[in-house]
PDB file of N, CA and C in Angstrom:
ATOM      1  N   MET A   1    -100.636  25.832  -6.921  1.00  0.00           N
ATOM      2  CA  MET A   1     -99.663  25.821  -7.986  1.00  0.00           C
ATOM      3  C   MET A   1     -98.283  25.423  -7.455  1.00  0.00           C
ATOM      4  N   ASP A   2     -98.012  25.797  -6.217  1.00  0.00           N
ATOM      5  CA  ASP A   2     -96.715  25.446  -5.637  1.00  0.00           C
ATOM      6  C   ASP A   2     -96.551  23.936  -5.502  1.00  0.00           C
ATOM      7  N   ILE A   3     -97.634  23.245  -5.197  1.00  0.00           N
ATOM      8  CA  ILE A   3     -97.573  21.791  -5.059  1.00  0.00           C
ATOM      9  C   ILE A   3     -97.245  21.147  -6.403  1.00  0.00           C
ATOM     10  N   VAL A   4     -97.845  21.656  -7.469  1.00  0.00           N
ATOM     11  CA  VAL A   4     -97.581  21.117  -8.806  1.00  0.00           C
ATOM     12  C   VAL A   4     -96.114  21.315  -9.182  1.00  0.00           C
ATOM     13  N   ILE A   5     -95.586  22.485  -8.912  1.00  0.00           N
ATOM     14  CA  ILE A   5     -94.191  22.779  -9.228  1.00  0.00           C
ATOM     15  C   ILE A   5     -93.259  21.872  -8.427  1.00  0.00           C
ATOM     16  N   LYS A   6     -93.566  21.658  -7.162  1.00  0.00           N
ATOM     17  CA  LYS A   6     -92.740  20.767  -6.339  1.00  0.00           C
ATOM     18  C   LYS A   6     -92.805  19.330  -6.841  1.00  0.00           C
ATOM     19  N   MET A   7     -93.997  18.884  -7.249  1.00  0.00           N
ATOM     20  CA  MET A   7     -94.133  17.521  -7.769  1.00  0.00           C
ATOM     21  C   MET A   7     -93.345  17.343  -9.065  1.00  0.00           C
ATOM     22  N   ILE A   8     -93.399  18.332  -9.932  1.00  0.00           N
ATOM     23  CA  ILE A   8     -92.629  18.272 -11.176  1.00  0.00           C
ATOM     24  C   ILE A   8     -91.132  18.242 -10.867  1.00  0.00           C
ATOM     25  N   GLY A   9     -90.715  19.041  -9.911  1.00  0.00           N
ATOM     26  CA  GLY A   9     -89.310  19.048  -9.499  1.00  0.00           C
ATOM     27  C   GLY A   9     -88.864  17.709  -8.942  1.00  0.00           C
ATOM     28  N   VAL A  10     -89.714  17.089  -8.144  1.00  0.00           N
ATOM     29  CA  VAL A  10     -89.380  15.776  -7.574  1.00  0.00           C
ATOM     30  C   VAL A  10     -89.272  14.722  -8.670  1.00  0.00           C
ATOM     31  N   ILE A  11     -90.235  14.726  -9.601  1.00  0.00           N
ATOM     32  CA  ILE A  11     -90.205  13.753 -10.693  1.00  0.00           C
ATOM     33  C   ILE A  11     -88.959  13.971 -11.559  1.00  0.00           C
ATOM     34  N   GLY A  12     -88.638  15.206 -11.851  1.00  0.00           N
ATOM     35  CA  GLY A  12     -87.426  15.498 -12.625  1.00  0.00           C
ATOM     36  C   GLY A  12     -86.168  15.079 -11.888  1.00  0.00           C
ATOM     37  N   GLY A  13     -86.145  15.299 -10.585  1.00  0.00           N
ATOM     38  CA  GLY A  13     -84.990  14.876  -9.791  1.00  0.00           C
ATOM     39  C   GLY A  13     -84.827  13.368  -9.787  1.00  0.00           C
ATOM     40  N   ILE A  14     -85.941  12.657  -9.689  1.00  0.00           N
ATOM     41  CA  ILE A  14     -85.890  11.190  -9.710  1.00  0.00           C
ATOM     42  C   ILE A  14     -85.368  10.701 -11.063  1.00  0.00           C
ATOM     43  N   MET A  15     -85.852  11.288 -12.140  1.00  0.00           N
ATOM     44  CA  MET A  15     -85.394  10.888 -13.474  1.00  0.00           C
ATOM     45  C   MET A  15     -83.903  11.182 -13.660  1.00  0.00           C
ATOM     46  N   THR A  16     -83.439  12.288 -13.116  1.00  0.00           N
ATOM     47  CA  THR A  16     -82.015  12.618 -13.190  1.00  0.00           C
ATOM     48  C   THR A  16     -81.185  11.606 -12.421  1.00  0.00           C
ATOM     49  N   VAL A  17     -81.643  11.221 -11.247  1.00  0.00           N
ATOM     50  CA  VAL A  17     -80.925  10.225 -10.452  1.00  0.00           C
ATOM     51  C   VAL A  17     -80.896   8.875 -11.170  1.00  0.00           C
ATOM     52  N   ILE A  18     -81.995   8.507 -11.812  1.00  0.00           N
ATOM     53  CA  ILE A  18     -82.030   7.249 -12.567  1.00  0.00           C
ATOM     54  C   ILE A  18     -81.005   7.290 -13.708  1.00  0.00           C
ATOM     55  N   GLY A  19     -80.917   8.420 -14.389  1.00  0.00           N
ATOM     56  CA  GLY A  19     -79.928   8.569 -15.454  1.00  0.00           C
ATOM     57  C   GLY A  19     -78.508   8.480 -14.936  1.00  0.00           C
ATOM     58  N   LEU A  20     -78.236   9.112 -13.807  1.00  0.00           N
ATOM     59  CA  LEU A  20     -76.896   9.056 -13.219  1.00  0.00           C
ATOM     60  C   LEU A  20     -76.566   7.651 -12.727  1.00  0.00           C
ATOM     61  N   PHE A  21     -77.584   6.936 -12.247  1.00  0.00           N
ATOM     62  CA  PHE A  21     -77.377   5.548 -11.847  1.00  0.00           C
ATOM     63  C   PHE A  21     -77.015   4.699 -13.071  1.00  0.00           C
ATOM     64  N   GLY A  22     -77.621   5.005 -14.211  1.00  0.00           N
ATOM     65  CA  GLY A  22     -77.270   4.325 -15.459  1.00  0.00           C
ATOM     66  C   GLY A  22     -75.828   4.578 -15.857  1.00  0.00           C
ATOM     67  N   VAL A  23     -75.345   5.803 -15.639  1.00  0.00           N
ATOM     68  CA  VAL A  23     -73.942   6.114 -15.914  1.00  0.00           C
ATOM     69  C   VAL A  23     -73.037   5.282 -15.010  1.00  0.00           C
ATOM     70  N   LEU A  24     -73.389   5.179 -13.743  1.00  0.00           N
ATOM     71  CA  LEU A  24     -72.577   4.414 -12.790  1.00  0.00           C
ATOM     72  C   LEU A  24     -72.531   2.933 -13.158  1.00  0.00           C
ATOM     73  N   THR A  25     -73.675   2.331 -13.435  1.00  0.00           N
ATOM     74  CA  THR A  25     -73.684   0.913 -13.786  1.00  0.00           C
ATOM     75  C   THR A  25     -73.000   0.677 -15.131  1.00  0.00           C
ATOM     76  N   GLY A  26     -73.113   1.624 -16.043  1.00  0.00           N
ATOM     77  CA  GLY A  26     -72.408   1.512 -17.320  1.00  0.00           C
ATOM     78  C   GLY A  26     -70.904   1.538 -17.138  1.00  0.00           C
ATOM     79  N   ALA A  27     -70.439   2.400 -16.242  1.00  0.00           N
ATOM     80  CA  ALA A  27     -69.001   2.450 -15.964  1.00  0.00           C
ATOM     81  C   ALA A  27     -68.519   1.134 -15.354  1.00  0.00           C
ATOM     82  N   LEU A  28     -69.321   0.585 -14.461  1.00  0.00           N
ATOM     83  CA  LEU A  28     -68.945  -0.698 -13.867  1.00  0.00           C
ATOM     84  C   LEU A  28     -68.877  -1.793 -14.933  1.00  0.00           C
ATOM     85  N   ASN A  29     -69.847  -1.832 -15.840  1.00  0.00           N
ATOM     86  CA  ASN A  29     -69.830  -2.811 -16.931  1.00  0.00           C
ATOM     87  C   ASN A  29     -68.633  -2.595 -17.853  1.00  0.00           C
ATOM     88  N   PHE A  30     -68.345  -1.357 -18.158  1.00  0.00           N
ATOM     89  CA  PHE A  30     -67.224  -1.051 -19.043  1.00  0.00           C
ATOM     90  C   PHE A  30     -65.907  -1.534 -18.448  1.00  0.00           C
ATOM     91  N   PHE A  31     -65.673  -1.181 -17.190  1.00  0.00           N
ATOM     92  CA  PHE A  31     -64.401  -1.578 -16.570  1.00  0.00           C
ATOM     93  C   PHE A  31     -64.312  -3.078 -16.347  1.00  0.00           C
ATOM     94  N   SER A  32     -65.446  -3.704 -16.077  1.00  0.00           N
ATOM     95  CA  SER A  32     -65.459  -5.156 -15.941  1.00  0.00           C
ATOM     96  C   SER A  32     -65.153  -5.824 -17.279  1.00  0.00           C
ATOM     97  N   GLY A  33     -65.739  -5.325 -18.347  1.00  0.00           N
ATOM     98  CA  GLY A  33     -65.457  -5.860 -19.671  1.00  0.00           C
ATOM     99  C   GLY A  33     -64.030  -5.616 -20.108  1.00  0.00           C
ATOM    100  N   ARG A  34     -63.497  -4.479 -19.713  1.00  0.00           N
ATOM    101  CA  ARG A  34     -62.104  -4.163 -20.050  1.00  0.00           C
ATOM    102  C   ARG A  34     -61.154  -5.093 -19.321  1.00  0.00           C
ATOM    103  N   LYS A  35     -61.452  -5.365 -18.061  1.00  0.00           N
ATOM    104  CA  LYS A  35     -60.595  -6.235 -17.262  1.00  0.00           C
ATOM    105  C   LYS A  35     -60.602  -7.659 -17.819  1.00  0.00           C
ATOM    106  N   ASN A  36     -61.776  -8.141 -18.231  1.00  0.00           N
ATOM    107  CA  ASN A  36     -61.912  -9.512 -18.707  1.00  0.00           C
ATOM    108  C   ASN A  36     -61.793  -9.639 -20.222  1.00  0.00           C
ATOM    109  N   GLU A  37     -61.421  -8.542 -20.885  1.00  0.00           N
ATOM    110  CA  GLU A  37     -61.276  -8.498 -22.337  1.00  0.00           C
ATOM    111  C   GLU A  37     -62.542  -8.991 -23.043  1.00  0.00           C
ATOM    112  N   ASN A  38     -63.669  -8.442 -22.630  1.00  0.00           N
ATOM    113  CA  ASN A  38     -64.970  -8.785 -23.202  1.00  0.00           C
ATOM    114  C   ASN A  38     -65.508  -7.552 -23.925  1.00  0.00           C
ATOM    115  N   PRO A  39     -65.323  -7.484 -25.249  1.00  0.00           N
ATOM    116  CA  PRO A  39     -65.742  -6.273 -25.980  1.00  0.00           C
ATOM    117  C   PRO A  39     -67.252  -6.036 -25.959  1.00  0.00           C
ATOM    118  N   GLN A  40     -68.045  -7.081 -25.870  1.00  0.00           N
ATOM    119  CA  GLN A  40     -69.497  -6.899 -25.826  1.00  0.00           C
ATOM    120  C   GLN A  40     -69.919  -6.194 -24.544  1.00  0.00           C
ATOM    121  N   LYS A  41     -69.297  -6.571 -23.435  1.00  0.00           N
ATOM    122  CA  LYS A  41     -69.628  -5.927 -22.161  1.00  0.00           C
ATOM    123  C   LYS A  41     -69.119  -4.485 -22.145  1.00  0.00           C
ATOM    124  N   MET A  42     -67.977  -4.247 -22.777  1.00  0.00           N
ATOM    125  CA  MET A  42     -67.461  -2.883 -22.867  1.00  0.00           C
ATOM    126  C   MET A  42     -68.410  -2.007 -23.681  1.00  0.00           C
ATOM    127  N   ASP A  43     -68.884  -2.527 -24.819  1.00  0.00           N
ATOM    128  CA  ASP A  43     -69.826  -1.774 -25.649  1.00  0.00           C
ATOM    129  C   ASP A  43     -71.128  -1.497 -24.899  1.00  0.00           C
ATOM    130  N   SER A  44     -71.597  -2.501 -24.168  1.00  0.00           N
ATOM    131  CA  SER A  44     -72.811  -2.326 -23.377  1.00  0.00           C
ATOM    132  C   SER A  44     -72.605  -1.246 -22.314  1.00  0.00           C
ATOM    133  N   GLY A  45     -71.446  -1.244 -21.687  1.00  0.00           N
ATOM    134  CA  GLY A  45     -71.150  -0.232 -20.679  1.00  0.00           C
ATOM    135  C   GLY A  45     -71.077   1.163 -21.259  1.00  0.00           C
ATOM    136  N   ILE A  46     -70.449   1.289 -22.429  1.00  0.00           N
ATOM    137  CA  ILE A  46     -70.353   2.597 -23.081  1.00  0.00           C
ATOM    138  C   ILE A  46     -71.743   3.107 -23.445  1.00  0.00           C
ATOM    139  N   GLU A  47     -72.554   2.212 -24.001  1.00  0.00           N
ATOM    140  CA  GLU A  47     -73.917   2.604 -24.372  1.00  0.00           C
ATOM    141  C   GLU A  47     -74.723   3.034 -23.152  1.00  0.00           C
ATOM    142  N   SER A  48     -74.572   2.310 -22.060  1.00  0.00           N
ATOM    143  CA  SER A  48     -75.300   2.648 -20.836  1.00  0.00           C
ATOM    144  C   SER A  48     -74.839   3.988 -20.276  1.00  0.00           C
ATOM    145  N   MET A  49     -73.537   4.256 -20.334  1.00  0.00           N
ATOM    146  CA  MET A  49     -73.039   5.544 -19.845  1.00  0.00           C
ATOM    147  C   MET A  49     -73.569   6.695 -20.688  1.00  0.00           C
ATOM    148  N   ILE A  50     -73.580   6.524 -22.001  1.00  0.00           N
ATOM    149  CA  ILE A  50     -74.062   7.581 -22.884  1.00  0.00           C
ATOM    150  C   ILE A  50     -75.555   7.818 -22.681  1.00  0.00           C
ATOM    151  N   MET A  51     -76.328   6.738 -22.658  1.00  0.00           N
ATOM    152  CA  MET A  51     -77.774   6.870 -22.487  1.00  0.00           C
ATOM    153  C   MET A  51     -78.129   7.449 -21.114  1.00  0.00           C
ATOM    154  N   GLY A  52     -77.427   7.000 -20.078  1.00  0.00           N
ATOM    155  CA  GLY A  52     -77.692   7.519 -18.739  1.00  0.00           C
ATOM    156  C   GLY A  52     -77.352   8.991 -18.616  1.00  0.00           C
ATOM    157  N   GLY A  53     -76.212   9.387 -19.199  1.00  0.00           N
ATOM    158  CA  GLY A  53     -75.834  10.796 -19.167  1.00  0.00           C
ATOM    159  C   GLY A  53     -76.805  11.667 -19.942  1.00  0.00           C
ATOM    160  N   ALA A  54     -77.241  11.168 -21.090  1.00  0.00           N
ATOM    161  CA  ALA A  54     -78.217  11.922 -21.880  1.00  0.00           C
ATOM    162  C   ALA A  54     -79.537  12.046 -21.132  1.00  0.00           C
ATOM    163  N   MET A  55     -79.952  10.952 -20.495  1.00  0.00           N
ATOM    164  CA  MET A  55     -81.210  10.987 -19.743  1.00  0.00           C
ATOM    165  C   MET A  55     -81.122  11.981 -18.589  1.00  0.00           C
ATOM    166  N   ALA A  56     -79.992  11.997 -17.894  1.00  0.00           N
ATOM    167  CA  ALA A  56     -79.823  12.922 -16.771  1.00  0.00           C
ATOM    168  C   ALA A  56     -79.845  14.369 -17.257  1.00  0.00           C
ATOM    169  N   ALA A  57     -79.136  14.646 -18.341  1.00  0.00           N
ATOM    170  CA  ALA A  57     -79.075  16.015 -18.850  1.00  0.00           C
ATOM    171  C   ALA A  57     -80.413  16.470 -19.413  1.00  0.00           C
ATOM    172  N   ILE A  58     -81.037  15.599 -20.189  1.00  0.00           N
ATOM    173  CA  ILE A  58     -82.301  15.978 -20.818  1.00  0.00           C
ATOM    174  C   ILE A  58     -83.410  16.138 -19.782  1.00  0.00           C
ATOM    175  N   SER A  59     -83.488  15.219 -18.822  1.00  0.00           N
ATOM    176  CA  SER A  59     -84.559  15.321 -17.831  1.00  0.00           C
ATOM    177  C   SER A  59     -84.394  16.561 -16.957  1.00  0.00           C
ATOM    178  N   GLY A  60     -83.161  16.935 -16.666  1.00  0.00           N
ATOM    179  CA  GLY A  60     -82.946  18.173 -15.909  1.00  0.00           C
ATOM    180  C   GLY A  60     -83.399  19.398 -16.680  1.00  0.00           C
ATOM    181  N   GLY A  61     -83.067  19.439 -17.967  1.00  0.00           N
ATOM    182  CA  GLY A  61     -83.470  20.567 -18.802  1.00  0.00           C
ATOM    183  C   GLY A  61     -84.971  20.633 -19.028  1.00  0.00           C
ATOM    184  N   ILE A  62     -85.569  19.485 -19.273  1.00  0.00           N
ATOM    185  CA  ILE A  62     -87.014  19.452 -19.489  1.00  0.00           C
ATOM    186  C   ILE A  62     -87.760  19.840 -18.218  1.00  0.00           C
ATOM    187  N   THR A  63     -87.277  19.370 -17.074  1.00  0.00           N
ATOM    188  CA  THR A  63     -87.909  19.734 -15.802  1.00  0.00           C
ATOM    189  C   THR A  63     -87.866  21.240 -15.589  1.00  0.00           C
ATOM    190  N   ALA A  64     -86.727  21.848 -15.871  1.00  0.00           N
ATOM    191  CA  ALA A  64     -86.614  23.300 -15.720  1.00  0.00           C
ATOM    192  C   ALA A  64     -87.559  24.026 -16.667  1.00  0.00           C
ATOM    193  N   ALA A  65     -87.687  23.537 -17.899  1.00  0.00           N
ATOM    194  CA  ALA A  65     -88.588  24.169 -18.870  1.00  0.00           C
ATOM    195  C   ALA A  65     -90.052  24.030 -18.452  1.00  0.00           C
ATOM    196  N   ILE A  66     -90.420  22.856 -17.947  1.00  0.00           N
ATOM    197  CA  ILE A  66     -91.806  22.656 -17.501  1.00  0.00           C
ATOM    198  C   ILE A  66     -92.120  23.556 -16.315  1.00  0.00           C
ATOM    199  N   ILE A  67     -91.201  23.647 -15.379  1.00  0.00           N
ATOM    200  CA  ILE A  67     -91.421  24.499 -14.203  1.00  0.00           C
ATOM    201  C   ILE A  67     -91.562  25.960 -14.629  1.00  0.00           C
ATOM    202  N   ALA A  68     -90.730  26.386 -15.581  1.00  0.00           N
ATOM    203  CA  ALA A  68     -90.842  27.765 -16.067  1.00  0.00           C
ATOM    204  C   ALA A  68     -92.180  28.000 -16.762  1.00  0.00           C
ATOM    205  N   ALA A  69     -92.627  27.027 -17.551  1.00  0.00           N
ATOM    206  CA  ALA A  69     -93.909  27.183 -18.251  1.00  0.00           C
ATOM    207  C   ALA A  69     -95.080  27.181 -17.281  1.00  0.00           C
ATOM    208  N   VAL A  70     -95.044  26.309 -16.281  1.00  0.00           N
ATOM    209  CA  VAL A  70     -96.115  26.261 -15.282  1.00  0.00           C
ATOM    210  C   VAL A  70     -96.117  27.533 -14.447  1.00  0.00           C
ATOM    211  N   GLY A  71     -94.921  28.030 -14.149  1.00  0.00           N
ATOM    212  CA  GLY A  71     -94.831  29.269 -13.376  1.00  0.00           C
ATOM    213  C   GLY A  71     -95.340  30.487 -14.127  1.00  0.00           C
ATOM    214  N   ALA A  72     -95.352  30.412 -15.460  1.00  0.00           N
ATOM    215  CA  ALA A  72     -95.813  31.537 -16.259  1.00  0.00           C
ATOM    216  C   ALA A  72     -97.328  31.583 -16.386  1.00  0.00           C
ATOM    217  N   ILE A  73     -98.001  30.508 -15.986  1.00  0.00           N
ATOM    218  CA  ILE A  73     -99.470  30.464 -16.069  1.00  0.00           C
ATOM    219  C   ILE A  73    -100.049  31.382 -14.993  1.00  0.00           C
ATOM    220  N   ARG A  74    -100.914  32.264 -15.390  1.00  0.00           N
ATOM    221  CA  ARG A  74    -101.570  33.197 -14.459  1.00  0.00           C
ATOM    222  C   ARG A  74    -103.081  33.044 -14.579  1.00  0.00           C
ATOM    223  N   PHE A  75    -103.765  33.093 -13.461  1.00  0.00           N
ATOM    224  CA  PHE A  75    -105.213  33.005 -13.464  1.00  0.00           C
ATOM    225  C   PHE A  75    -105.832  34.349 -13.178  1.00  0.00           C
TER     226      PHE A  75
END
């Protein structure tokens, strides 16, 4: 059971990092669009930051809930 919990934790951690990477690339797009006065790139950056942040927050919460549910299973 410990291996399953560790695997779930690793997968959740990877998903959180992917979400945070989306926030970083979104910020880069936003500032690049702002510098070049490109509203489409700014909108794309804002959307990427929001989606990445949501993915990071949600995947962290879901991972914690899954680990708690798996930990509650008794044989």
